[in-house]
Protein backbone atom coordinates (compact mmCIF):
# COMPACT_ATOMS: atom_id res chain seq x y z
CA MET A 1 -10.61 -82.42 36.01
CA LYS A 2 -6.86 -83.62 35.71
CA GLN A 3 -5.11 -84.15 38.89
CA CYS A 4 -1.37 -84.45 39.83
CA THR A 5 -0.21 -87.89 40.12
CA HIS A 6 3.07 -86.97 41.91
CA ALA A 7 2.13 -85.01 45.14
CA ASP A 8 1.92 -88.11 47.37
CA ALA A 9 5.54 -88.94 46.67
CA LEU A 10 6.86 -85.43 47.72
CA PRO A 11 8.92 -85.30 51.01
CA HIS A 12 7.45 -83.87 54.13
CA PRO A 13 8.17 -81.18 55.20
CA ASP A 14 9.22 -79.35 52.06
CA PRO A 15 13.00 -79.47 51.60
CA GLN A 16 15.06 -76.43 52.55
CA PRO A 17 16.00 -74.11 49.69
CA LEU A 18 19.53 -74.79 48.54
CA SER A 19 20.01 -70.99 47.92
CA GLU A 20 18.01 -67.88 48.29
CA THR A 21 18.05 -66.95 44.63
CA CYS A 22 18.64 -68.59 41.12
CA LEU A 23 22.39 -69.45 41.12
CA GLU A 24 22.17 -70.11 37.41
CA CYS A 25 20.99 -66.42 36.81
CA LEU A 26 23.81 -65.20 39.07
CA ALA A 27 26.32 -67.12 37.08
CA ASP A 28 24.90 -65.85 33.81
CA GLY A 29 24.80 -62.28 34.97
CA SER A 30 20.97 -62.05 34.55
CA HIS A 31 18.26 -61.20 37.02
CA PRO A 32 15.61 -63.74 37.90
CA VAL A 33 12.12 -62.48 37.62
CA GLN A 34 10.27 -64.95 40.03
CA LEU A 35 11.77 -67.68 41.95
CA ARG A 36 10.65 -71.31 42.14
CA LEU A 37 11.55 -74.17 44.53
CA CYS A 38 11.89 -77.84 43.56
CA LEU A 39 9.93 -79.79 46.01
CA THR A 40 12.15 -82.89 45.49
CA CYS A 41 15.56 -81.39 46.19
CA GLY A 42 15.31 -77.78 47.20
CA HIS A 43 16.80 -76.35 44.02
CA VAL A 44 15.73 -72.67 43.62
CA GLY A 45 15.34 -71.53 40.01
CA CYS A 46 13.79 -68.59 38.08
CA CYS A 47 10.42 -68.87 36.26
CA ASP A 48 9.73 -69.04 32.60
CA THR A 49 9.43 -65.22 32.34
CA SER A 50 13.12 -65.07 33.18
CA PRO A 51 15.66 -65.36 30.47
CA GLY A 52 17.19 -68.59 31.59
CA GLN A 53 13.93 -70.41 32.57
CA HIS A 54 16.04 -72.30 35.21
CA ALA A 55 13.29 -74.00 37.10
CA THR A 56 11.95 -75.54 33.93
CA LYS A 57 15.44 -76.49 32.93
CA HIS A 58 15.93 -78.05 36.37
CA HIS A 59 12.78 -80.15 35.85
CA LYS A 60 13.84 -81.33 32.27
CA ASP A 61 17.51 -82.29 33.64
CA SER A 62 16.31 -83.99 36.79
CA ASP A 63 12.70 -85.22 36.21
CA HIS A 64 11.75 -83.74 39.56
CA PRO A 65 7.97 -83.29 39.00
CA ILE A 66 6.75 -80.50 41.30
CA MET A 67 7.79 -76.99 42.30
CA ARG A 68 6.28 -74.27 44.25
CA THR A 69 6.56 -70.59 44.22
CA HIS A 70 9.46 -69.16 46.30
CA GLU A 71 7.95 -65.77 46.37
CA PRO A 72 6.83 -64.19 49.88
CA GLY A 73 3.06 -64.32 50.26
CA GLU A 74 2.47 -66.92 47.49
CA GLU A 75 1.55 -70.63 48.22
CA TRP A 76 0.87 -72.33 44.86
CA ARG A 77 2.55 -75.44 43.38
CA TRP A 78 2.85 -76.61 39.85
CA CYS A 79 3.28 -80.15 38.50
CA PHE A 80 5.43 -80.01 35.35
CA VAL A 81 4.50 -83.61 34.31
CA ASP A 82 0.68 -83.40 34.61
CA HIS A 83 0.57 -79.68 33.83
CA VAL A 84 -1.74 -78.91 36.69
CA LEU A 85 -1.70 -76.69 39.89
CA VAL A 86 -1.26 -78.93 42.90
C-alpha cells in the first residue's frame, strides 16, 4: 500500500487557520462547498467540488503537500503529492 512521504515534515501542532472560510470564494462571489486546511501554512481553501477548487489550486501554486478537512466532526488528511489519505 502506498504511503505518504511528507507527513513527518509537517509542523506540530497544526498551523492555525488563516481564515474561517475560503477567501478566494468570497472574492469570486461563490460559495465554498467543503473547506480544507493546508497543514504547511494554514491557508483555508474549498474542495474540488466547489467551482474554484481553491485548496488544490493552493497546493499547485505553493507545493504544500498535505491538507486536512476543515469541517466540524471530520479528521481525515490528504497528501496531494502521493495521492493517499494520511
